[in-house]
Amino acid sequence: MNNEDCSVDENIKIEFPFGYSLPWYYRIIGSCNGVLCLTSDTFQLTKPIFLWNPAIRRKVKLPVPQVTFESMGLNEVVIGFGFDVKNNDFKVVRIAYGRGDRYQVPHKVEIYELSVGKWREIDGQVRLNRLVEIFCTQVLLNGIAHWTAIKRSRRSLLKNLIMGFNMTNEVFEEIPMPDALVNAWKFNLNTTLYEESLAVLQYDRQHKSCCIWVMKEYGFPESWSKQFYVRLDQGFTMVLGFRKNGDVLLNDLEGKLFSYNPGAAASVHLGIHGMPFSFYIHPYVESLALLIEGKQAHAPKQQLQ
């Protein structure tokens, strides 16, 4: 997607090895070092989770977590994925919220390490009165998985922030939002990457636009800056990512993928179609990860063309 002419190589075929029996698609949690982490978008609380290397057709199905509906009475689950550089290992973090007031019920946090092959519960709990949004996208930067989150004050006031999980230290961190976004409607905010920097998308549904806020210097809240905004009044629904040439990747209600030039206010259809909310944009580099741990991952024969 970063090539200048927006061409698509139709000769590249990726076999999808997870079956087609479910009425829902698999959602990509994150991508790192040639490996994708996916989970089914069913309404099951103990959803199957996979690590998949499409380049070498290898996959790993994670075992059932220790914290389940039966053991805890789950309400919601948040999943994160990344790479522990110090220990050279892929990790999946799973935050389980129990029933009741999610701001007050202690959360259970589990880690899956690829080298170990099983889940373990950790003490690095999400602080009470903090809630990671379950449908927001994950941003992996500096070995930390980031999500938009909410904290509730003693006066029951809700404030937005960014929650991060350090894959090496296995601790949660907090990053303040730009002042202008602290009290914004939570469902209009999402984290993203912009030129290798942490960024936040702020949607304005009324005026059909999206502002991009960028943290120029990671870890310094004073470096937040409003970069530019994208008009969404031409049938576009969502900002999916950014190209090296400055164009913005958007989709529309028909599930078409576009490359949009903010300066010229011009868009180009890239010839790619999908479900309106099924797109995932992230740089991908081929690797041999999962060559030893994974099993062969081929699509069902009746689905191959």
Protein backbone atom coordinates (compact mmCIF):
# COMPACT_ATOMS: atom_id res chain seq x y z
CA MET A 1 0.00 0.00 0.00
CA ASN A 2 3.02 2.33 0.12
CA ASN A 3 3.82 2.08 -3.58
CA GLU A 4 3.38 5.38 -5.39
CA ASP A 5 1.13 4.20 -8.23
CA CYS A 6 -1.47 2.51 -5.99
CA SER A 7 -1.28 -0.66 -8.07
CA VAL A 8 -2.37 -3.97 -6.58
CA ASP A 9 -0.62 -7.25 -7.41
CA GLU A 10 -3.50 -9.60 -8.14
CA ASN A 11 -1.11 -12.56 -8.39
CA ILE A 12 -0.60 -12.60 -4.62
CA LYS A 13 -2.98 -15.15 -3.13
CA ILE A 14 -3.12 -15.73 0.63
CA GLU A 15 -4.73 -18.95 1.80
CA PHE A 16 -7.04 -18.42 4.76
CA PRO A 17 -6.67 -21.53 6.95
CA PHE A 18 -9.30 -20.95 9.63
CA GLY A 19 -12.41 -22.28 7.91
CA TYR A 20 -15.55 -20.57 6.68
CA SER A 21 -18.28 -22.11 8.82
CA LEU A 22 -18.72 -19.14 11.15
CA PRO A 23 -20.99 -16.26 10.11
CA TRP A 24 -18.41 -13.78 11.44
CA TYR A 25 -14.97 -12.85 10.16
CA TYR A 26 -11.74 -13.21 12.12
CA ARG A 27 -10.46 -9.92 13.52
CA ILE A 28 -6.74 -9.11 13.40
CA ILE A 29 -5.55 -8.04 16.85
CA GLY A 30 -2.07 -7.03 15.71
CA SER A 31 0.85 -7.73 13.41
CA CYS A 32 4.49 -8.08 14.44
CA ASN A 33 7.63 -9.57 12.84
CA GLY A 34 5.70 -11.43 10.16
CA VAL A 35 3.09 -12.88 12.53
CA LEU A 36 -0.58 -11.95 12.80
CA CYS A 37 -2.70 -12.47 15.91
CA LEU A 38 -6.36 -13.17 15.15
CA THR A 39 -9.51 -13.96 17.06
CA SER A 40 -13.00 -14.76 15.84
CA ASP A 41 -15.55 -11.97 16.07
CA THR A 42 -18.19 -14.15 17.63
CA PHE A 43 -19.97 -13.22 20.83
CA GLN A 44 -18.22 -15.99 22.76
CA LEU A 45 -16.22 -14.67 25.69
CA THR A 46 -13.62 -17.44 25.39
CA LYS A 47 -12.85 -16.84 21.74
CA PRO A 48 -10.29 -18.95 19.86
CA ILE A 49 -7.02 -17.06 19.36
CA PHE A 50 -4.48 -17.85 16.62
CA LEU A 51 -0.96 -16.79 15.70
CA TRP A 52 -0.47 -17.04 11.95
CA ASN A 53 2.47 -16.56 9.60
CA PRO A 54 0.87 -16.37 6.12
CA ALA A 55 4.25 -16.18 4.35
CA ILE A 56 5.26 -19.72 5.36
CA ARG A 57 1.72 -21.04 6.03
CA ARG A 58 2.21 -21.88 9.70
CA LYS A 59 -0.22 -21.29 12.55
CA VAL A 60 -0.53 -21.81 16.31
CA LYS A 61 -3.88 -22.15 18.07
CA LEU A 62 -3.56 -20.86 21.61
CA PRO A 63 -4.87 -23.07 24.44
CA VAL A 64 -8.00 -22.10 26.35
CA PRO A 65 -7.11 -19.38 28.91
CA GLN A 66 -7.27 -20.09 32.62
CA VAL A 67 -9.74 -17.25 33.23
CA THR A 68 -13.02 -18.32 31.63
CA PHE A 69 -16.72 -17.60 32.03
CA GLU A 70 -17.03 -20.58 34.37
CA SER A 71 -14.13 -19.50 36.60
CA MET A 72 -14.88 -15.77 36.76
CA GLY A 73 -18.24 -14.93 35.23
CA LEU A 74 -16.72 -12.86 32.45
CA ASN A 75 -18.26 -9.67 31.15
CA GLU A 76 -15.75 -8.54 28.49
CA VAL A 77 -12.29 -9.46 27.25
CA VAL A 78 -9.53 -7.31 25.72
CA ILE A 79 -6.66 -8.94 23.78
CA GLY A 80 -3.26 -7.48 22.91
CA PHE A 81 -0.33 -8.84 20.88
CA GLY A 82 3.34 -7.95 20.62
CA PHE A 83 6.98 -9.03 20.79
CA ASP A 84 9.27 -9.16 23.81
CA VAL A 85 12.59 -7.98 22.37
CA LYS A 86 14.59 -8.79 25.53
CA ASN A 87 13.45 -12.43 25.60
CA ASN A 88 12.96 -12.80 21.83
CA ASP A 89 9.42 -14.06 22.25
CA PHE A 90 5.92 -13.35 20.96
CA LYS A 91 3.34 -12.59 23.66
CA VAL A 92 -0.43 -12.27 23.87
CA VAL A 93 -1.99 -10.36 26.79
CA ARG A 94 -5.59 -10.97 27.79
CA ILE A 95 -7.52 -8.65 30.14
CA ALA A 96 -10.69 -10.21 31.54
CA TYR A 97 -13.39 -8.07 33.13
CA GLY A 98 -15.77 -9.72 35.62
CA ARG A 99 -19.46 -9.06 35.95
CA GLY A 100 -20.68 -6.03 37.83
CA ASP A 101 -19.26 -2.52 37.84
CA ARG A 102 -16.28 -2.87 35.52
CA TYR A 103 -14.60 0.13 37.10
CA GLN A 104 -14.63 -1.52 40.52
CA VAL A 105 -14.30 -5.27 39.89
CA PRO A 106 -10.60 -6.33 39.86
CA HIS A 107 -9.49 -7.43 36.41
CA LYS A 108 -7.66 -10.68 35.66
CA VAL A 109 -4.64 -10.42 33.36
CA GLU A 110 -3.06 -13.40 31.60
CA ILE A 111 0.01 -13.71 29.38
CA TYR A 112 0.66 -16.29 26.69
CA GLU A 113 4.31 -16.78 25.69
CA LEU A 114 4.96 -18.62 22.44
CA SER A 115 8.16 -20.21 23.80
CA VAL A 116 6.27 -21.64 26.80
CA GLY A 117 3.02 -22.51 25.06
CA LYS A 118 0.61 -21.82 27.90
CA TRP A 119 -1.16 -19.02 29.77
CA ARG A 120 -0.07 -17.64 33.13
CA GLU A 121 -1.74 -15.05 35.30
CA ILE A 122 0.29 -11.97 36.25
CA ASP A 123 0.05 -9.41 39.03
CA GLY A 124 0.31 -6.35 36.76
CA GLN A 125 -3.36 -5.57 37.07
CA VAL A 126 -5.11 -2.72 35.34
CA ARG A 127 -5.76 -0.11 38.02
CA LEU A 128 -9.31 0.12 39.32
CA ASN A 129 -11.39 2.85 37.71
CA ARG A 130 -9.56 2.19 34.41
CA LEU A 131 -11.30 0.50 31.49
CA VAL A 132 -9.76 -0.42 28.14
CA GLU A 133 -12.26 -0.19 25.30
CA ILE A 134 -12.81 -3.67 23.85
CA PHE A 135 -13.48 -2.66 20.23
CA CYS A 136 -10.68 -0.12 19.81
CA THR A 137 -7.68 -0.96 17.65
CA GLN A 138 -4.32 -1.81 19.15
CA VAL A 139 -1.16 0.13 18.33
CA LEU A 140 2.18 -1.58 18.93
CA LEU A 141 5.00 0.92 19.40
CA ASN A 142 8.28 0.68 21.32
CA GLY A 143 7.35 -2.81 22.49
CA ILE A 144 4.14 -1.51 24.08
CA ALA A 145 0.57 -2.32 23.05
CA HIS A 146 -1.62 0.80 23.25
CA TRP A 147 -5.39 1.19 23.46
CA THR A 148 -7.78 4.05 24.15
CA ALA A 149 -9.12 3.77 27.70
CA ILE A 150 -11.30 5.53 30.26
CA LYS A 151 -10.74 6.39 33.89
CA ARG A 152 -13.47 7.29 36.34
CA SER A 153 -12.80 9.85 39.04
CA ARG A 154 -14.19 9.82 42.56
CA ARG A 155 -16.98 12.10 41.32
CA SER A 156 -17.85 9.50 38.66
CA LEU A 157 -16.53 11.77 35.91
CA LEU A 158 -15.14 9.91 32.89
CA LYS A 159 -11.87 10.99 31.30
CA ASN A 160 -10.10 9.53 28.26
CA LEU A 161 -6.51 8.33 28.28
CA ILE A 162 -4.24 5.84 26.52
CA MET A 163 -3.41 2.59 28.28
CA GLY A 164 -0.26 0.70 27.36
CA PHE A 165 1.07 -2.76 28.19
CA ASN A 166 4.84 -3.26 28.10
CA MET A 167 5.54 -6.68 26.57
CA THR A 168 8.95 -6.98 28.24
CA ASN A 169 8.30 -5.61 31.74
CA GLU A 170 4.68 -6.87 31.74
CA VAL A 171 3.36 -3.72 33.39
CA PHE A 172 0.60 -1.31 32.42
CA GLU A 173 1.40 2.31 31.64
CA GLU A 174 -0.75 5.40 31.13
CA ILE A 175 -0.35 8.22 28.63
CA PRO A 176 -2.53 11.35 28.89
CA MET A 177 -4.66 12.31 25.92
CA PRO A 178 -4.45 15.78 24.38
CA ASP A 179 -6.38 18.21 26.59
CA ALA A 180 -8.97 18.71 23.86
CA LEU A 181 -9.77 14.96 23.85
CA VAL A 182 -9.89 14.22 27.58
CA ASN A 183 -13.65 14.76 27.76
CA ALA A 184 -14.54 13.79 24.19
CA TRP A 185 -17.09 11.05 23.44
CA LYS A 186 -15.14 7.80 23.92
CA PHE A 187 -16.59 6.03 20.88
CA ASN A 188 -15.23 8.78 18.62
CA LEU A 189 -11.60 8.08 19.59
CA ASN A 190 -9.15 5.45 18.41
CA THR A 191 -5.38 4.95 18.50
CA THR A 192 -3.30 4.63 15.35
CA LEU A 193 0.22 5.10 13.98
CA TYR A 194 1.26 8.13 11.96
CA GLU A 195 4.80 8.14 10.54
CA GLU A 196 6.02 5.84 13.36
CA SER A 197 4.46 8.07 16.02
CA LEU A 198 1.58 7.39 18.38
CA ALA A 199 -1.57 9.11 17.18
CA VAL A 200 -5.27 9.40 18.00
CA LEU A 201 -8.16 9.64 15.56
CA GLN A 202 -11.02 11.90 16.65
CA TYR A 203 -14.19 11.41 14.63
CA ASP A 204 -16.82 14.11 14.35
CA ARG A 205 -19.95 12.28 13.21
CA GLN A 206 -22.02 15.46 13.00
CA HIS A 207 -19.66 17.27 10.64
CA LYS A 208 -18.43 14.05 8.97
CA SER A 209 -14.73 14.55 9.53
CA CYS A 210 -11.80 13.03 11.40
CA CYS A 211 -8.94 14.88 13.13
CA ILE A 212 -5.52 13.26 13.50
CA TRP A 213 -3.62 14.09 16.70
CA VAL A 214 0.06 13.06 16.82
CA MET A 215 2.44 12.72 19.78
CA LYS A 216 5.59 14.19 18.26
CA GLU A 217 7.85 12.92 21.06
CA TYR A 218 6.80 9.64 22.60
CA GLY A 219 6.06 9.83 26.32
CA PHE A 220 5.78 13.62 26.40
CA PRO A 221 2.10 14.69 26.53
CA GLU A 222 3.05 18.30 25.80
CA SER A 223 4.14 17.19 22.33
CA TRP A 224 0.59 16.31 21.21
CA SER A 225 -0.29 18.24 18.06
CA LYS A 226 -3.32 18.34 15.78
CA GLN A 227 -1.84 17.26 12.45
CA PHE A 228 -4.73 17.65 9.99
CA TYR A 229 -8.30 16.52 9.44
CA VAL A 230 -9.94 14.35 6.80
CA ARG A 231 -13.38 15.05 5.34
CA LEU A 232 -15.70 12.05 5.44
CA ASP A 233 -18.63 13.63 3.61
CA GLN A 234 -18.04 11.72 0.34
CA GLY A 235 -19.30 8.37 1.57
CA PHE A 236 -16.13 7.49 3.51
CA THR A 237 -16.64 5.91 6.93
CA MET A 238 -13.27 5.25 8.55
CA VAL A 239 -9.59 6.24 8.52
CA LEU A 240 -7.64 2.98 8.23
CA GLY A 241 -4.04 4.16 8.01
CA PHE A 242 -1.49 6.35 6.26
CA ARG A 243 0.86 5.83 3.34
CA LYS A 244 4.46 7.02 3.05
CA ASN A 245 3.44 9.54 0.39
CA GLY A 246 1.06 11.23 2.85
CA ASP A 247 -2.15 9.78 1.49
CA VAL A 248 -4.82 8.49 3.87
CA LEU A 249 -6.36 5.03 3.45
CA LEU A 250 -10.16 5.11 3.79
CA ASN A 251 -13.08 2.78 3.19
CA ASP A 252 -16.69 3.49 2.31
CA LEU A 253 -20.05 1.95 3.13
CA GLU A 254 -19.77 -0.40 0.17
CA GLY A 255 -16.53 -1.88 1.49
CA LYS A 256 -14.25 -0.26 -1.11
CA LEU A 257 -10.70 0.82 -0.21
CA PHE A 258 -9.51 4.29 -1.25
CA SER A 259 -6.29 6.28 -1.13
CA TYR A 260 -7.11 9.90 -0.31
CA ASN A 261 -4.84 12.93 -0.80
CA PRO A 262 -5.80 15.53 1.86
CA GLY A 263 -4.07 18.41 0.05
CA ALA A 264 -5.79 17.84 -3.28
CA ALA A 265 -8.98 16.45 -1.68
CA ALA A 266 -8.85 13.69 -4.29
CA SER A 267 -9.32 9.95 -3.86
CA VAL A 268 -8.39 6.87 -5.87
CA HIS A 269 -10.17 3.52 -5.59
CA LEU A 270 -7.52 0.83 -5.08
CA GLY A 271 -9.60 -2.00 -6.53
CA ILE A 272 -9.92 -3.79 -3.19
CA HIS A 273 -13.29 -4.76 -1.71
CA GLY A 274 -14.26 -6.13 1.68
CA MET A 275 -16.77 -5.79 4.49
CA PRO A 276 -17.05 -2.17 5.66
CA PHE A 277 -15.53 -2.88 9.10
CA SER A 278 -13.21 -5.76 8.20
CA PHE A 279 -10.17 -3.84 6.90
CA TYR A 280 -6.82 -3.96 8.67
CA ILE A 281 -3.86 -1.87 7.48
CA HIS A 282 -0.34 -2.53 8.79
CA PRO A 283 3.16 -2.89 7.27
CA TYR A 284 4.09 -6.55 6.86
CA VAL A 285 7.57 -8.07 6.61
CA GLU A 286 8.03 -11.76 5.80
CA SER A 287 9.78 -13.91 8.41
CA LEU A 288 10.31 -17.54 9.42
CA ALA A 289 8.55 -17.11 12.76
CA LEU A 290 6.38 -20.11 13.78
CA LEU A 291 8.45 -22.43 11.55
CA ILE A 292 9.19 -24.66 14.55
CA GLU A 293 6.23 -23.98 16.86
CA GLY A 294 3.49 -23.79 14.24
CA LYS A 295 1.50 -26.35 12.29
CA GLN A 296 0.78 -26.28 8.58
CA ALA A 297 -1.91 -23.74 7.71
CA HIS A 298 -3.67 -24.34 4.41
CA ALA A 299 -7.11 -23.28 3.30
CA PRO A 300 -9.79 -25.97 2.87
CA LYS A 301 -9.39 -27.46 -0.60
CA GLN A 302 -12.92 -26.59 -1.66
CA GLN A 303 -12.17 -22.90 -1.00
CA LEU A 304 -9.00 -22.68 -3.10
CA GLN A 305 -9.27 -21.14 -6.57
